[in-house]
Structures are given as structure tokens and as C-alpha cells.
Amino acid sequence: MPTRDRYREYREDQTTIWVSKASRAFLDREKKHPRESTTIVVDRLLRELRSLRRREK
């Protein structure tokens, strides 16, 4: 985990998250190609989850 100062710095710009090893492995498996960024994977998964929730209603 980062130091308190480093965490505060990241918290200000809201661009960094820390995930568990299991989460990281899951995100790596979800990549459509090796060079795809984690951000794109997370955005795609969130869109899919929203879509599924809308269909359930």
C-alpha cells in the first residue's frame, strides 16, 4: 500500500485504484488483447453490468 502522502496525491486526481491480486488476475483475463488498458476493461465490464441490471428490471 502507498504512504499516506502518496495516497493523498492520488486521491486528489482520482485516477489510481488499488486492487487485490485476485482482482488483477481477473482483469488480466478479461482483456481482449494484451495491450488493452485496464481502464478500458473496467469501463467495458461496468457497461455490461449496467446492461444486465437494466434487463432484470
Protein backbone atom coordinates (compact mmCIF):
# COMPACT_ATOMS: atom_id res chain seq x y z
CA MET A 1 0.00 0.00 0.00
CA PRO A 2 1.16 3.55 -0.62
CA THR A 3 2.25 6.00 2.01
CA ARG A 4 -0.29 8.48 3.36
CA ASP A 5 1.19 11.38 1.32
CA ARG A 6 1.25 9.36 -1.85
CA TYR A 7 -2.32 8.21 -1.30
CA ARG A 8 -3.48 11.81 -0.75
CA GLU A 9 -1.82 12.81 -4.02
CA TYR A 10 -3.55 10.03 -5.97
CA ARG A 11 -6.84 10.72 -4.21
CA GLU A 12 -6.80 14.32 -5.48
CA ASP A 13 -6.80 13.37 -9.15
CA GLN A 14 -8.91 10.19 -8.75
CA THR A 15 -7.00 8.25 -11.40
CA THR A 16 -5.46 5.41 -9.44
CA ILE A 17 -7.06 2.44 -7.71
CA TRP A 18 -5.51 -0.47 -5.87
CA VAL A 19 -6.89 -3.93 -6.46
CA SER A 20 -6.21 -7.31 -4.92
CA LYS A 21 -4.11 -9.90 -6.71
CA ALA A 22 -7.25 -11.89 -7.48
CA SER A 23 -8.92 -8.81 -9.00
CA ARG A 24 -5.83 -8.05 -11.04
CA ALA A 25 -5.77 -11.62 -12.37
CA PHE A 26 -9.46 -11.33 -13.29
CA LEU A 27 -8.92 -8.05 -15.13
CA ASP A 28 -5.96 -9.53 -16.99
CA ARG A 29 -8.11 -12.49 -18.10
CA GLU A 30 -10.85 -10.12 -19.30
CA LYS A 31 -8.55 -8.22 -21.65
CA LYS A 32 -9.42 -8.79 -25.29
CA HIS A 33 -5.78 -8.34 -26.28
CA PRO A 34 -2.58 -8.00 -24.20
CA ARG A 35 -2.07 -4.28 -24.86
CA GLU A 36 -5.60 -3.25 -23.85
CA SER A 37 -5.53 -0.96 -20.82
CA THR A 38 -7.11 -1.90 -17.52
CA THR A 39 -9.22 1.26 -17.73
CA ILE A 40 -10.87 0.04 -20.91
CA VAL A 41 -11.52 -3.37 -19.36
CA VAL A 42 -13.11 -1.84 -16.25
CA ASP A 43 -15.27 0.52 -18.35
CA ARG A 44 -16.45 -2.37 -20.53
CA LEU A 45 -17.28 -4.54 -17.51
CA LEU A 46 -19.22 -1.69 -15.87
CA ARG A 47 -21.22 -1.14 -19.06
CA GLU A 48 -22.02 -4.86 -19.22
CA LEU A 49 -23.13 -4.91 -15.58
CA ARG A 50 -25.38 -1.87 -16.09
CA SER A 51 -26.87 -3.52 -19.14
CA LEU A 52 -27.60 -6.71 -17.19
CA ARG A 53 -29.21 -4.74 -14.36
CA ARG A 54 -31.46 -2.88 -16.79
CA ARG A 55 -32.62 -6.15 -18.33
CA GLU A 56 -33.51 -7.57 -14.90
CA LYS A 57 -35.93 -4.71 -14.12
